[in-house]
Amino acid sequence: VGSTAVQVTSAERTRVLGQPVFLNDVYYASEIEEICLVDESQFTLTMANQGTPLTFMHQECDAIVQSIIHIRTRWELSQPDSIPQHTKIRPKDVPGTLLNIALLNLGSSDPSLRSAAYNLLCALTCTFNLKIEGQLLETSGLCIPANNTLFIVSISKTLAANEPHLTLEFLEECISGFSKSSKSATHLT
């Protein structure tokens, strides 16, 4: 047991490419999922991406298990507190996620991003048959004003009234995106 890994060397030689060799496996602390002391002379290690636990027998099992627990704990403590969790997007989440992206980017200071966001909003309306009551017309070269908060709020209200099934997933997206949004876009959230 080292400072960051457990090294296991086979007791007997195994033939590899016709040559008898000792096998040497290294399991890093990050790969160790579970350590279980079976009795005074036996313990098991469950490793990530391995189906069955590895079983070991030794006279000093307790000391070995404690050492392995120690390196695993040290590794866990060295990891950042907040590991970003990327949730998997499901097909039903697509309209709310893309609506959130479009509406947030409509308030961008970049004119080309505002234009792309508007075109995305138009495409979403057509693709998902959103009832926005003919407020959007997709065109090329359209200039979207930088101060369009009233337009964004109007679209949001219309969607909330006509597409209530999108409200929950849209709110979930807004909440998760709020901390990642720029200060200028947070007023739209």
C-alpha atoms as a PDB file:
ATOM      1  CA  VAL A   1       0.000   0.000   0.000  1.00  0.00           C
ATOM      2  CA  GLY A   2       1.602   3.233  -1.192  1.00  0.00           C
ATOM      3  CA  SER A   3       0.670   6.867  -0.606  1.00  0.00           C
ATOM      4  CA  THR A   4      -1.743   7.043  -3.579  1.00  0.00           C
ATOM      5  CA  ALA A   5      -2.280   3.473  -4.752  1.00  0.00           C
ATOM      6  CA  VAL A   6      -2.410  -0.199  -3.890  1.00  0.00           C
ATOM      7  CA  GLN A   7       0.012  -2.423  -5.779  1.00  0.00           C
ATOM      8  CA  VAL A   8      -0.852  -6.104  -6.083  1.00  0.00           C
ATOM      9  CA  THR A   9       1.746  -8.583  -7.330  1.00  0.00           C
ATOM     10  CA  SER A  10       0.745 -12.146  -8.133  1.00  0.00           C
ATOM     11  CA  ALA A  11       2.257 -14.871  -5.971  1.00  0.00           C
ATOM     12  CA  GLU A  12       2.676 -17.230  -8.902  1.00  0.00           C
ATOM     13  CA  ARG A  13       4.041 -16.702 -12.381  1.00  0.00           C
ATOM     14  CA  THR A  14       1.568 -16.470 -15.251  1.00  0.00           C
ATOM     15  CA  ARG A  15       2.421 -17.126 -18.875  1.00  0.00           C
ATOM     16  CA  VAL A  16       2.194 -13.979 -21.005  1.00  0.00           C
ATOM     17  CA  LEU A  17       3.293 -14.216 -24.633  1.00  0.00           C
ATOM     18  CA  GLY A  18       4.905 -17.540 -23.826  1.00  0.00           C
ATOM     19  CA  GLN A  19       6.993 -16.173 -20.947  1.00  0.00           C
ATOM     20  CA  PRO A  20       6.405 -16.841 -17.244  1.00  0.00           C
ATOM     21  CA  VAL A  21       5.942 -13.474 -15.479  1.00  0.00           C
ATOM     22  CA  PHE A  22       4.652 -12.073 -12.212  1.00  0.00           C
ATOM     23  CA  LEU A  23       1.571  -9.904 -12.793  1.00  0.00           C
ATOM     24  CA  ASN A  24       1.642  -6.514 -11.141  1.00  0.00           C
ATOM     25  CA  ASP A  25      -1.568  -4.446 -10.871  1.00  0.00           C
ATOM     26  CA  VAL A  26      -1.792  -0.918  -9.540  1.00  0.00           C
ATOM     27  CA  TYR A  27      -5.123   0.364  -8.219  1.00  0.00           C
ATOM     28  CA  TYR A  28      -5.253   4.091  -7.531  1.00  0.00           C
ATOM     29  CA  ALA A  29      -7.200   5.486  -4.591  1.00  0.00           C
ATOM     30  CA  SER A  30      -9.683   7.071  -7.016  1.00  0.00           C
ATOM     31  CA  GLU A  31     -10.562   3.596  -8.368  1.00  0.00           C
ATOM     32  CA  ILE A  32     -11.334   2.064  -4.964  1.00  0.00           C
ATOM     33  CA  GLU A  33     -15.070   2.018  -4.339  1.00  0.00           C
ATOM     34  CA  GLU A  34     -15.330  -0.174  -1.234  1.00  0.00           C
ATOM     35  CA  ILE A  35     -13.047  -1.866   1.287  1.00  0.00           C
ATOM     36  CA  CYS A  36     -14.601  -4.617   3.356  1.00  0.00           C
ATOM     37  CA  LEU A  37     -12.932  -6.576   6.169  1.00  0.00           C
ATOM     38  CA  VAL A  38     -14.396 -10.091   5.966  1.00  0.00           C
ATOM     39  CA  ASP A  39     -12.607 -11.525   9.010  1.00  0.00           C
ATOM     40  CA  GLU A  40      -9.190 -11.295  10.711  1.00  0.00           C
ATOM     41  CA  SER A  41      -7.368 -12.769   7.741  1.00  0.00           C
ATOM     42  CA  GLN A  42      -9.468 -11.790   4.724  1.00  0.00           C
ATOM     43  CA  PHE A  43     -10.713  -8.556   3.066  1.00  0.00           C
ATOM     44  CA  THR A  44     -12.237  -7.508  -0.241  1.00  0.00           C
ATOM     45  CA  LEU A  45     -11.674  -4.508  -2.486  1.00  0.00           C
ATOM     46  CA  THR A  46     -14.325  -3.337  -4.908  1.00  0.00           C
ATOM     47  CA  MET A  47     -12.807  -1.402  -7.773  1.00  0.00           C
ATOM     48  CA  ALA A  48     -14.474   0.933 -10.249  1.00  0.00           C
ATOM     49  CA  ASN A  49     -15.223  -0.719 -13.590  1.00  0.00           C
ATOM     50  CA  GLN A  50     -14.707  -4.244 -12.266  1.00  0.00           C
ATOM     51  CA  GLY A  51     -17.623  -6.583 -11.823  1.00  0.00           C
ATOM     52  CA  THR A  52     -16.487  -8.678  -8.904  1.00  0.00           C
ATOM     53  CA  PRO A  53     -14.599  -7.617  -5.779  1.00  0.00           C
ATOM     54  CA  LEU A  54     -11.001  -8.706  -5.327  1.00  0.00           C
ATOM     55  CA  THR A  55     -10.466 -10.954  -2.294  1.00  0.00           C
ATOM     56  CA  PHE A  56      -7.206 -10.929  -0.351  1.00  0.00           C
ATOM     57  CA  MET A  57      -5.907 -13.061   2.500  1.00  0.00           C
ATOM     58  CA  HIS A  58      -3.179 -11.855   4.856  1.00  0.00           C
ATOM     59  CA  GLN A  59      -2.235 -12.175   8.518  1.00  0.00           C
ATOM     60  CA  GLU A  60      -2.293  -8.384   8.994  1.00  0.00           C
ATOM     61  CA  CYS A  61      -5.605  -7.655   7.253  1.00  0.00           C
ATOM     62  CA  ASP A  62      -6.704  -4.998   9.720  1.00  0.00           C
ATOM     63  CA  ALA A  63      -3.548  -2.908   9.218  1.00  0.00           C
ATOM     64  CA  ILE A  64      -3.768  -3.230   5.421  1.00  0.00           C
ATOM     65  CA  VAL A  65      -7.440  -2.266   5.384  1.00  0.00           C
ATOM     66  CA  GLN A  66      -6.734   0.765   7.582  1.00  0.00           C
ATOM     67  CA  SER A  67      -3.927   1.850   5.232  1.00  0.00           C
ATOM     68  CA  ILE A  68      -6.180   1.527   2.202  1.00  0.00           C
ATOM     69  CA  ILE A  69      -8.960   3.469   3.951  1.00  0.00           C
ATOM     70  CA  HIS A  70      -6.385   6.140   4.798  1.00  0.00           C
ATOM     71  CA  ILE A  71      -5.215   6.649   1.202  1.00  0.00           C
ATOM     72  CA  ARG A  72      -8.819   6.607  -0.059  1.00  0.00           C
ATOM     73  CA  THR A  73      -9.839   9.228   2.537  1.00  0.00           C
ATOM     74  CA  ARG A  74      -6.836  11.411   1.667  1.00  0.00           C
ATOM     75  CA  TRP A  75      -7.786  11.237  -2.004  1.00  0.00           C
ATOM     76  CA  GLU A  76     -11.425  12.171  -1.271  1.00  0.00           C
ATOM     77  CA  LEU A  77     -10.318  15.133   0.859  1.00  0.00           C
ATOM     78  CA  SER A  78      -8.013  16.359  -1.916  1.00  0.00           C
ATOM     79  CA  GLN A  79     -10.920  16.617  -4.368  1.00  0.00           C
ATOM     80  CA  PRO A  80     -12.636  19.995  -4.862  1.00  0.00           C
ATOM     81  CA  ASP A  81     -15.764  20.532  -2.767  1.00  0.00           C
ATOM     82  CA  SER A  82     -17.999  21.266  -5.691  1.00  0.00           C
ATOM     83  CA  ILE A  83     -17.540  18.901  -8.569  1.00  0.00           C
ATOM     84  CA  PRO A  84     -19.745  20.190 -11.384  1.00  0.00           C
ATOM     85  CA  GLN A  85     -22.658  17.921 -11.962  1.00  0.00           C
ATOM     86  CA  HIS A  86     -23.797  17.810 -15.562  1.00  0.00           C
ATOM     87  CA  THR A  87     -27.284  16.512 -15.688  1.00  0.00           C
ATOM     88  CA  LYS A  88     -28.217  14.412 -18.638  1.00  0.00           C
ATOM     89  CA  ILE A  89     -30.625  16.118 -20.943  1.00  0.00           C
ATOM     90  CA  ARG A  90     -33.739  14.126 -21.744  1.00  0.00           C
ATOM     91  CA  PRO A  91     -35.834  14.599 -24.898  1.00  0.00           C
ATOM     92  CA  LYS A  92     -38.638  16.233 -22.919  1.00  0.00           C
ATOM     93  CA  ASP A  93     -36.150  18.804 -21.532  1.00  0.00           C
ATOM     94  CA  VAL A  94     -35.117  20.092 -24.939  1.00  0.00           C
ATOM     95  CA  PRO A  95     -37.768  22.819 -25.424  1.00  0.00           C
ATOM     96  CA  GLY A  96     -37.295  24.343 -21.948  1.00  0.00           C
ATOM     97  CA  THR A  97     -33.500  24.217 -22.156  1.00  0.00           C
ATOM     98  CA  LEU A  98     -33.374  25.792 -25.594  1.00  0.00           C
ATOM     99  CA  LEU A  99     -36.001  28.398 -24.666  1.00  0.00           C
ATOM    100  CA  ASN A 100     -33.892  29.404 -21.689  1.00  0.00           C
ATOM    101  CA  ILE A 101     -30.821  29.719 -23.927  1.00  0.00           C
ATOM    102  CA  ALA A 102     -32.721  31.771 -26.513  1.00  0.00           C
ATOM    103  CA  LEU A 103     -34.372  34.137 -24.050  1.00  0.00           C
ATOM    104  CA  LEU A 104     -31.201  34.712 -22.014  1.00  0.00           C
ATOM    105  CA  ASN A 105     -29.152  35.422 -25.127  1.00  0.00           C
ATOM    106  CA  LEU A 106     -31.763  37.845 -26.459  1.00  0.00           C
ATOM    107  CA  GLY A 107     -30.525  40.164 -23.708  1.00  0.00           C
ATOM    108  CA  SER A 108     -26.863  39.866 -24.710  1.00  0.00           C
ATOM    109  CA  SER A 109     -24.752  42.923 -25.487  1.00  0.00           C
ATOM    110  CA  ASP A 110     -23.478  41.189 -28.654  1.00  0.00           C
ATOM    111  CA  PRO A 111     -25.781  42.037 -31.622  1.00  0.00           C
ATOM    112  CA  SER A 112     -24.950  38.855 -33.568  1.00  0.00           C
ATOM    113  CA  LEU A 113     -25.712  36.702 -30.501  1.00  0.00           C
ATOM    114  CA  ARG A 114     -29.058  38.503 -30.041  1.00  0.00           C
ATOM    115  CA  SER A 115     -29.883  37.840 -33.691  1.00  0.00           C
ATOM    116  CA  ALA A 116     -28.933  34.145 -33.389  1.00  0.00           C
ATOM    117  CA  ALA A 117     -31.004  33.859 -30.194  1.00  0.00           C
ATOM    118  CA  TYR A 118     -34.014  35.383 -31.969  1.00  0.00           C
ATOM    119  CA  ASN A 119     -33.626  32.912 -34.861  1.00  0.00           C
ATOM    120  CA  LEU A 120     -33.350  30.069 -32.326  1.00  0.00           C
ATOM    121  CA  LEU A 121     -36.571  31.262 -30.708  1.00  0.00           C
ATOM    122  CA  CYS A 122     -38.257  31.280 -34.128  1.00  0.00           C
ATOM    123  CA  ALA A 123     -36.978  27.774 -34.887  1.00  0.00           C
ATOM    124  CA  LEU A 124     -38.190  26.494 -31.500  1.00  0.00           C
ATOM    125  CA  THR A 125     -41.625  28.003 -32.109  1.00  0.00           C
ATOM    126  CA  CYS A 126     -41.914  26.186 -35.444  1.00  0.00           C
ATOM    127  CA  THR A 127     -40.335  22.901 -34.362  1.00  0.00           C
ATOM    128  CA  PHE A 128     -42.271  22.444 -31.118  1.00  0.00           C
ATOM    129  CA  ASN A 129     -45.460  24.200 -32.299  1.00  0.00           C
ATOM    130  CA  LEU A 130     -45.273  26.750 -29.506  1.00  0.00           C
ATOM    131  CA  LYS A 131     -48.234  29.086 -29.396  1.00  0.00           C
ATOM    132  CA  ILE A 132     -46.695  32.555 -29.371  1.00  0.00           C
ATOM    133  CA  GLU A 133     -49.598  34.034 -31.364  1.00  0.00           C
ATOM    134  CA  GLY A 134     -47.634  35.087 -34.445  1.00  0.00           C
ATOM    135  CA  GLN A 135     -45.245  37.403 -32.593  1.00  0.00           C
ATOM    136  CA  LEU A 136     -42.149  36.024 -34.333  1.00  0.00           C
ATOM    137  CA  LEU A 137     -41.088  36.177 -37.960  1.00  0.00           C
ATOM    138  CA  GLU A 138     -37.773  34.610 -38.931  1.00  0.00           C
ATOM    139  CA  THR A 139     -35.737  36.840 -41.193  1.00  0.00           C
ATOM    140  CA  SER A 140     -32.103  37.251 -42.053  1.00  0.00           C
ATOM    141  CA  GLY A 141     -30.273  40.471 -41.260  1.00  0.00           C
ATOM    142  CA  LEU A 142     -32.759  41.519 -38.593  1.00  0.00           C
ATOM    143  CA  CYS A 143     -31.384  43.913 -35.985  1.00  0.00           C
ATOM    144  CA  ILE A 144     -32.493  43.041 -32.452  1.00  0.00           C
ATOM    145  CA  PRO A 145     -32.237  46.056 -30.128  1.00  0.00           C
ATOM    146  CA  ALA A 146     -30.026  45.765 -27.052  1.00  0.00           C
ATOM    147  CA  ASN A 147     -32.816  46.960 -24.741  1.00  0.00           C
ATOM    148  CA  ASN A 148     -35.500  44.374 -25.490  1.00  0.00           C
ATOM    149  CA  THR A 149     -36.490  43.385 -21.964  1.00  0.00           C
ATOM    150  CA  LEU A 150     -40.176  44.178 -22.604  1.00  0.00           C
ATOM    151  CA  PHE A 151     -40.157  41.886 -25.652  1.00  0.00           C
ATOM    152  CA  ILE A 152     -38.519  39.047 -23.680  1.00  0.00           C
ATOM    153  CA  VAL A 153     -40.982  39.428 -20.793  1.00  0.00           C
ATOM    154  CA  SER A 154     -43.888  39.496 -23.261  1.00  0.00           C
ATOM    155  CA  ILE A 155     -42.723  36.273 -24.951  1.00  0.00           C
ATOM    156  CA  SER A 156     -42.226  34.636 -21.524  1.00  0.00           C
ATOM    157  CA  LYS A 157     -45.732  35.587 -20.389  1.00  0.00           C
ATOM    158  CA  THR A 158     -47.286  34.350 -23.625  1.00  0.00           C
ATOM    159  CA  LEU A 159     -45.419  31.027 -23.346  1.00  0.00           C
ATOM    160  CA  ALA A 160     -46.407  30.635 -19.691  1.00  0.00           C
ATOM    161  CA  ALA A 161     -50.067  31.180 -20.550  1.00  0.00           C
ATOM    162  CA  ASN A 162     -50.175  29.073 -23.733  1.00  0.00           C
ATOM    163  CA  GLU A 163     -47.633  26.339 -22.938  1.00  0.00           C
ATOM    164  CA  PRO A 164     -47.987  25.590 -19.182  1.00  0.00           C
ATOM    165  CA  HIS A 165     -46.319  22.162 -19.578  1.00  0.00           C
ATOM    166  CA  LEU A 166     -43.013  23.968 -20.290  1.00  0.00           C
ATOM    167  CA  THR A 167     -43.104  26.096 -17.148  1.00  0.00           C
ATOM    168  CA  LEU A 168     -41.481  23.603 -14.747  1.00  0.00           C
ATOM    169  CA  GLU A 169     -38.580  22.602 -17.006  1.00  0.00           C
ATOM    170  CA  PHE A 170     -38.062  26.235 -18.009  1.00  0.00           C
ATOM    171  CA  LEU A 171     -37.865  27.255 -14.336  1.00  0.00           C
ATOM    172  CA  GLU A 172     -35.435  24.407 -13.600  1.00  0.00           C
ATOM    173  CA  GLU A 173     -33.205  25.654 -16.416  1.00  0.00           C
ATOM    174  CA  CYS A 174     -33.427  29.246 -15.158  1.00  0.00           C
ATOM    175  CA  ILE A 175     -32.446  28.212 -11.641  1.00  0.00           C
ATOM    176  CA  SER A 176     -29.508  26.096 -12.795  1.00  0.00           C
ATOM    177  CA  GLY A 177     -28.379  28.778 -15.250  1.00  0.00           C
ATOM    178  CA  PHE A 178     -28.726  31.721 -12.881  1.00  0.00           C
ATOM    179  CA  SER A 179     -25.354  31.192 -11.210  1.00  0.00           C
ATOM    180  CA  LYS A 180     -23.654  30.762 -14.598  1.00  0.00           C
ATOM    181  CA  SER A 181     -25.236  33.843 -16.200  1.00  0.00           C
ATOM    182  CA  SER A 182     -23.434  37.127 -16.593  1.00  0.00           C
ATOM    183  CA  LYS A 183     -24.541  39.989 -14.352  1.00  0.00           C
ATOM    184  CA  SER A 184     -26.144  41.720 -17.343  1.00  0.00           C
ATOM    185  CA  ALA A 185     -28.275  38.643 -18.123  1.00  0.00           C
ATOM    186  CA  THR A 186     -29.395  37.873 -14.562  1.00  0.00           C
ATOM    187  CA  HIS A 187     -32.082  40.570 -14.646  1.00  0.00           C
ATOM    188  CA  LEU A 188     -33.765  38.485 -17.376  1.00  0.00           C
ATOM    189  CA  THR A 189     -33.764  35.393 -15.228  1.00  0.00           C
END
